[in-house]
Amino acid sequence: MTPLTLKAGILMSKNNINSKNIRPVTGQAMAGAFTFIEVIIALAIVSISLLALLRLHLTSICLTDTAQTISQAVLLADEKIAEALAAGYPKQGANSGIVEKNDSILHWQTEVADLQSPQLNEANVSDLREVSVDIRWKQGTGWRHLRTSTYVADRKLNEKQP
């Protein structure tokens, strides 16, 4: 391949200066190239697209963090219900505390209360208790809240009924 030079608007080869292969550089030869404005517009479109993708990625990270905190709150609530039921028929009362898990501070409160209703009295059911757990945590500028509960009957319930 021979080196090409540009003299007076004519593309020339050093070995072939006098041949008929000499052709002037015109607008037709430049038609396949991009102009500076086209490159700037393409870069602007790419940068706007990348900003949108970055925003989407940040939103995904925030939602993942929220989902992880909610999962930790649900697991803590299940753990506190299991602790209340571990000794059998739970005593009435309330317990509370604070747990820190993976940079999240979770406030919990467990409450055990007798369940009273006219329908239960008509069915001659007593010694039924509700075990509820409230979990609170700070997220952003506000507080999030999760409440879960279960019902426990005294195991001696069947023995008391005639």
C-alpha atoms as a PDB file:
ATOM      1  CA  MET A   1       0.000   0.000   0.000  1.00  0.00           C
ATOM      2  CA  THR A   2       1.449   3.367  -0.946  1.00  0.00           C
ATOM      3  CA  PRO A   3       1.279   6.428   1.319  1.00  0.00           C
ATOM      4  CA  LEU A   4      -1.190   9.099   0.252  1.00  0.00           C
ATOM      5  CA  THR A   5      -0.648  12.857   0.430  1.00  0.00           C
ATOM      6  CA  LEU A   6      -3.002  15.779   0.009  1.00  0.00           C
ATOM      7  CA  LYS A   7      -1.758  18.664  -2.148  1.00  0.00           C
ATOM      8  CA  ALA A   8      -3.949  21.536  -3.302  1.00  0.00           C
ATOM      9  CA  GLY A   9      -7.167  19.583  -2.672  1.00  0.00           C
ATOM     10  CA  ILE A  10      -6.033  16.565  -4.726  1.00  0.00           C
ATOM     11  CA  LEU A  11      -5.455  13.148  -3.173  1.00  0.00           C
ATOM     12  CA  MET A  12      -2.144  11.880  -4.578  1.00  0.00           C
ATOM     13  CA  SER A  13       0.020   8.804  -4.271  1.00  0.00           C
ATOM     14  CA  LYS A  14       3.802   9.259  -4.170  1.00  0.00           C
ATOM     15  CA  ASN A  15       4.353   6.434  -6.654  1.00  0.00           C
ATOM     16  CA  ASN A  16       1.549   7.384  -8.964  1.00  0.00           C
ATOM     17  CA  ILE A  17       1.621  11.171  -9.212  1.00  0.00           C
ATOM     18  CA  ASN A  18       1.177  11.317 -13.001  1.00  0.00           C
ATOM     19  CA  SER A  19      -1.395   8.567 -13.340  1.00  0.00           C
ATOM     20  CA  LYS A  20      -5.101   8.918 -14.005  1.00  0.00           C
ATOM     21  CA  ASN A  21      -5.883   7.807 -10.387  1.00  0.00           C
ATOM     22  CA  ILE A  22      -5.582  11.398  -9.167  1.00  0.00           C
ATOM     23  CA  ARG A  23      -8.962  12.600  -7.915  1.00  0.00           C
ATOM     24  CA  PRO A  24      -9.982  15.772  -6.087  1.00  0.00           C
ATOM     25  CA  VAL A  25     -11.396  15.586  -2.557  1.00  0.00           C
ATOM     26  CA  THR A  26     -14.995  16.762  -2.852  1.00  0.00           C
ATOM     27  CA  GLY A  27     -18.206  16.662  -0.789  1.00  0.00           C
ATOM     28  CA  GLN A  28     -18.996  13.265  -2.272  1.00  0.00           C
ATOM     29  CA  ALA A  29     -15.853  11.778  -0.715  1.00  0.00           C
ATOM     30  CA  MET A  30     -16.845  13.215   2.694  1.00  0.00           C
ATOM     31  CA  ALA A  31     -20.488  12.023   2.474  1.00  0.00           C
ATOM     32  CA  GLY A  32     -19.750   8.870   4.513  1.00  0.00           C
ATOM     33  CA  ALA A  33     -18.242  10.806   7.455  1.00  0.00           C
ATOM     34  CA  PHE A  34     -20.064  12.239  10.492  1.00  0.00           C
ATOM     35  CA  THR A  35     -20.219  15.957  11.099  1.00  0.00           C
ATOM     36  CA  PHE A  36     -19.292  17.481  14.441  1.00  0.00           C
ATOM     37  CA  ILE A  37     -22.941  18.353  15.186  1.00  0.00           C
ATOM     38  CA  GLU A  38     -24.034  14.750  14.590  1.00  0.00           C
ATOM     39  CA  VAL A  39     -21.382  13.513  17.006  1.00  0.00           C
ATOM     40  CA  ILE A  40     -22.453  16.048  19.676  1.00  0.00           C
ATOM     41  CA  ILE A  41     -26.121  15.061  19.277  1.00  0.00           C
ATOM     42  CA  ALA A  42     -25.244  11.365  19.534  1.00  0.00           C
ATOM     43  CA  LEU A  43     -23.218  12.015  22.695  1.00  0.00           C
ATOM     44  CA  ALA A  44     -26.111  13.999  24.198  1.00  0.00           C
ATOM     45  CA  ILE A  45     -28.537  11.130  23.523  1.00  0.00           C
ATOM     46  CA  VAL A  46     -26.136   8.585  25.018  1.00  0.00           C
ATOM     47  CA  SER A  47     -25.517  10.728  28.120  1.00  0.00           C
ATOM     48  CA  ILE A  48     -29.260  11.235  28.721  1.00  0.00           C
ATOM     49  CA  SER A  49     -29.797   7.482  28.372  1.00  0.00           C
ATOM     50  CA  LEU A  50     -26.981   6.761  30.818  1.00  0.00           C
ATOM     51  CA  LEU A  51     -28.439   9.220  33.328  1.00  0.00           C
ATOM     52  CA  ALA A  52     -31.805   7.459  33.101  1.00  0.00           C
ATOM     53  CA  LEU A  53     -30.117   4.097  33.649  1.00  0.00           C
ATOM     54  CA  LEU A  54     -28.191   5.475  36.622  1.00  0.00           C
ATOM     55  CA  ARG A  55     -31.434   6.779  38.175  1.00  0.00           C
ATOM     56  CA  LEU A  56     -33.046   3.387  37.626  1.00  0.00           C
ATOM     57  CA  HIS A  57     -30.086   1.674  39.293  1.00  0.00           C
ATOM     58  CA  LEU A  58     -30.285   4.004  42.326  1.00  0.00           C
ATOM     59  CA  THR A  59     -34.018   3.331  42.635  1.00  0.00           C
ATOM     60  CA  SER A  60     -33.304  -0.396  42.495  1.00  0.00           C
ATOM     61  CA  ILE A  61     -30.746  -0.077  45.307  1.00  0.00           C
ATOM     62  CA  CYS A  62     -33.221   1.861  47.491  1.00  0.00           C
ATOM     63  CA  LEU A  63     -35.991  -0.685  46.905  1.00  0.00           C
ATOM     64  CA  THR A  64     -33.630  -3.548  47.680  1.00  0.00           C
ATOM     65  CA  ASP A  65     -32.643  -1.878  50.952  1.00  0.00           C
ATOM     66  CA  THR A  66     -36.317  -1.378  51.868  1.00  0.00           C
ATOM     67  CA  ALA A  67     -37.143  -5.004  51.043  1.00  0.00           C
ATOM     68  CA  GLN A  68     -34.224  -6.210  53.150  1.00  0.00           C
ATOM     69  CA  THR A  69     -35.371  -4.149  56.150  1.00  0.00           C
ATOM     70  CA  ILE A  70     -38.959  -5.401  55.802  1.00  0.00           C
ATOM     71  CA  SER A  71     -37.686  -8.992  55.618  1.00  0.00           C
ATOM     72  CA  GLN A  72     -35.650  -8.442  58.792  1.00  0.00           C
ATOM     73  CA  ALA A  73     -38.732  -7.010  60.510  1.00  0.00           C
ATOM     74  CA  VAL A  74     -40.850 -10.013  59.520  1.00  0.00           C
ATOM     75  CA  LEU A  75     -38.177 -12.442  60.734  1.00  0.00           C
ATOM     76  CA  LEU A  76     -37.885 -10.552  64.028  1.00  0.00           C
ATOM     77  CA  ALA A  77     -41.669 -10.661  64.484  1.00  0.00           C
ATOM     78  CA  ASP A  78     -41.693 -14.417  63.838  1.00  0.00           C
ATOM     79  CA  GLU A  79     -38.846 -14.844  66.321  1.00  0.00           C
ATOM     80  CA  LYS A  80     -40.687 -12.887  69.035  1.00  0.00           C
ATOM     81  CA  ILE A  81     -43.898 -14.874  68.485  1.00  0.00           C
ATOM     82  CA  ALA A  82     -41.900 -18.109  68.722  1.00  0.00           C
ATOM     83  CA  GLU A  83     -40.307 -16.907  71.976  1.00  0.00           C
ATOM     84  CA  ALA A  84     -43.754 -16.124  73.429  1.00  0.00           C
ATOM     85  CA  LEU A  85     -45.088 -19.559  72.449  1.00  0.00           C
ATOM     86  CA  ALA A  86     -41.983 -21.513  73.458  1.00  0.00           C
ATOM     87  CA  ALA A  87     -43.047 -21.885  77.086  1.00  0.00           C
ATOM     88  CA  GLY A  88     -46.509 -23.156  76.155  1.00  0.00           C
ATOM     89  CA  TYR A  89     -49.554 -21.069  77.024  1.00  0.00           C
ATOM     90  CA  PRO A  90     -48.165 -17.497  77.228  1.00  0.00           C
ATOM     91  CA  LYS A  91     -48.786 -15.237  80.207  1.00  0.00           C
ATOM     92  CA  GLN A  92     -50.551 -11.945  79.713  1.00  0.00           C
ATOM     93  CA  GLY A  93     -48.333  -8.907  79.495  1.00  0.00           C
ATOM     94  CA  ALA A  94     -46.077  -6.873  77.274  1.00  0.00           C
ATOM     95  CA  ASN A  95     -42.390  -6.914  76.418  1.00  0.00           C
ATOM     96  CA  SER A  96     -40.360  -4.516  74.327  1.00  0.00           C
ATOM     97  CA  GLY A  97     -36.844  -3.923  73.134  1.00  0.00           C
ATOM     98  CA  ILE A  98     -34.535  -2.711  70.393  1.00  0.00           C
ATOM     99  CA  VAL A  99     -32.585  -4.902  67.986  1.00  0.00           C
ATOM    100  CA  GLU A 100     -29.911  -3.764  65.533  1.00  0.00           C
ATOM    101  CA  LYS A 101     -29.537  -5.910  62.427  1.00  0.00           C
ATOM    102  CA  ASN A 102     -27.416  -4.969  59.403  1.00  0.00           C
ATOM    103  CA  ASP A 103     -27.393  -1.223  60.150  1.00  0.00           C
ATOM    104  CA  SER A 104     -31.173  -1.204  60.789  1.00  0.00           C
ATOM    105  CA  ILE A 105     -32.505  -0.407  64.251  1.00  0.00           C
ATOM    106  CA  LEU A 106     -35.774  -2.264  64.862  1.00  0.00           C
ATOM    107  CA  HIS A 107     -38.007  -1.426  67.845  1.00  0.00           C
ATOM    108  CA  TRP A 108     -40.260  -4.306  68.875  1.00  0.00           C
ATOM    109  CA  GLN A 109     -43.104  -4.790  71.315  1.00  0.00           C
ATOM    110  CA  THR A 110     -44.794  -8.084  72.141  1.00  0.00           C
ATOM    111  CA  GLU A 111     -48.222  -8.084  73.775  1.00  0.00           C
ATOM    112  CA  VAL A 112     -50.221 -11.060  75.033  1.00  0.00           C
ATOM    113  CA  ALA A 113     -53.891 -10.391  75.821  1.00  0.00           C
ATOM    114  CA  ASP A 114     -56.993 -12.471  76.541  1.00  0.00           C
ATOM    115  CA  LEU A 115     -59.384 -12.581  73.642  1.00  0.00           C
ATOM    116  CA  GLN A 116     -62.930 -11.667  74.661  1.00  0.00           C
ATOM    117  CA  SER A 117     -65.910 -11.725  72.315  1.00  0.00           C
ATOM    118  CA  PRO A 118     -69.609 -12.594  72.598  1.00  0.00           C
ATOM    119  CA  GLN A 119     -69.226 -15.290  69.940  1.00  0.00           C
ATOM    120  CA  LEU A 120     -66.537 -17.041  71.973  1.00  0.00           C
ATOM    121  CA  ASN A 121     -68.653 -16.855  75.132  1.00  0.00           C
ATOM    122  CA  GLU A 122     -71.658 -18.335  73.275  1.00  0.00           C
ATOM    123  CA  ALA A 123     -69.448 -21.187  72.030  1.00  0.00           C
ATOM    124  CA  ASN A 124     -68.203 -21.697  75.600  1.00  0.00           C
ATOM    125  CA  VAL A 125     -64.586 -21.017  74.551  1.00  0.00           C
ATOM    126  CA  SER A 126     -62.326 -19.425  77.095  1.00  0.00           C
ATOM    127  CA  ASP A 127     -58.594 -19.168  77.648  1.00  0.00           C
ATOM    128  CA  LEU A 128     -57.920 -17.936  74.134  1.00  0.00           C
ATOM    129  CA  ARG A 129     -55.127 -15.379  73.838  1.00  0.00           C
ATOM    130  CA  GLU A 130     -53.811 -13.127  71.107  1.00  0.00           C
ATOM    131  CA  VAL A 131     -50.056 -12.761  70.776  1.00  0.00           C
ATOM    132  CA  SER A 132     -49.210  -9.658  68.747  1.00  0.00           C
ATOM    133  CA  VAL A 133     -45.853  -8.208  67.794  1.00  0.00           C
ATOM    134  CA  ASP A 134     -45.302  -4.646  66.598  1.00  0.00           C
ATOM    135  CA  ILE A 135     -42.081  -3.756  64.798  1.00  0.00           C
ATOM    136  CA  ARG A 136     -41.135  -0.129  64.038  1.00  0.00           C
ATOM    137  CA  TRP A 137     -38.117   1.282  62.246  1.00  0.00           C
ATOM    138  CA  LYS A 138     -37.049   4.631  60.885  1.00  0.00           C
ATOM    139  CA  GLN A 139     -36.916   4.923  57.118  1.00  0.00           C
ATOM    140  CA  GLY A 140     -36.078   8.234  55.521  1.00  0.00           C
ATOM    141  CA  THR A 141     -37.875  10.996  57.393  1.00  0.00           C
ATOM    142  CA  GLY A 142     -40.682   8.819  58.782  1.00  0.00           C
ATOM    143  CA  TRP A 143     -41.355   5.590  60.623  1.00  0.00           C
ATOM    144  CA  ARG A 144     -42.464   2.294  59.106  1.00  0.00           C
ATOM    145  CA  HIS A 145     -44.615  -0.155  61.028  1.00  0.00           C
ATOM    146  CA  LEU A 146     -45.289  -3.891  60.842  1.00  0.00           C
ATOM    147  CA  ARG A 147     -47.790  -5.757  63.007  1.00  0.00           C
ATOM    148  CA  THR A 148     -48.338  -9.489  63.092  1.00  0.00           C
ATOM    149  CA  SER A 149     -50.374 -11.620  65.477  1.00  0.00           C
ATOM    150  CA  THR A 150     -51.476 -15.137  66.207  1.00  0.00           C
ATOM    151  CA  TYR A 151     -54.001 -16.790  68.510  1.00  0.00           C
ATOM    152  CA  VAL A 152     -53.212 -19.395  71.118  1.00  0.00           C
ATOM    153  CA  ALA A 153     -55.614 -21.637  72.983  1.00  0.00           C
ATOM    154  CA  ASP A 154     -54.834 -23.234  76.294  1.00  0.00           C
ATOM    155  CA  ARG A 155     -53.940 -26.875  75.664  1.00  0.00           C
ATOM    156  CA  LYS A 156     -56.163 -27.793  78.565  1.00  0.00           C
ATOM    157  CA  LEU A 157     -59.138 -26.307  76.696  1.00  0.00           C
ATOM    158  CA  ASN A 158     -60.334 -29.718  75.469  1.00  0.00           C
ATOM    159  CA  GLU A 159     -60.085 -31.157  78.980  1.00  0.00           C
ATOM    160  CA  LYS A 160     -62.277 -28.398  80.494  1.00  0.00           C
ATOM    161  CA  GLN A 161     -65.211 -28.922  78.131  1.00  0.00           C
ATOM    162  CA  PRO A 162     -67.607 -31.780  79.038  1.00  0.00           C
END
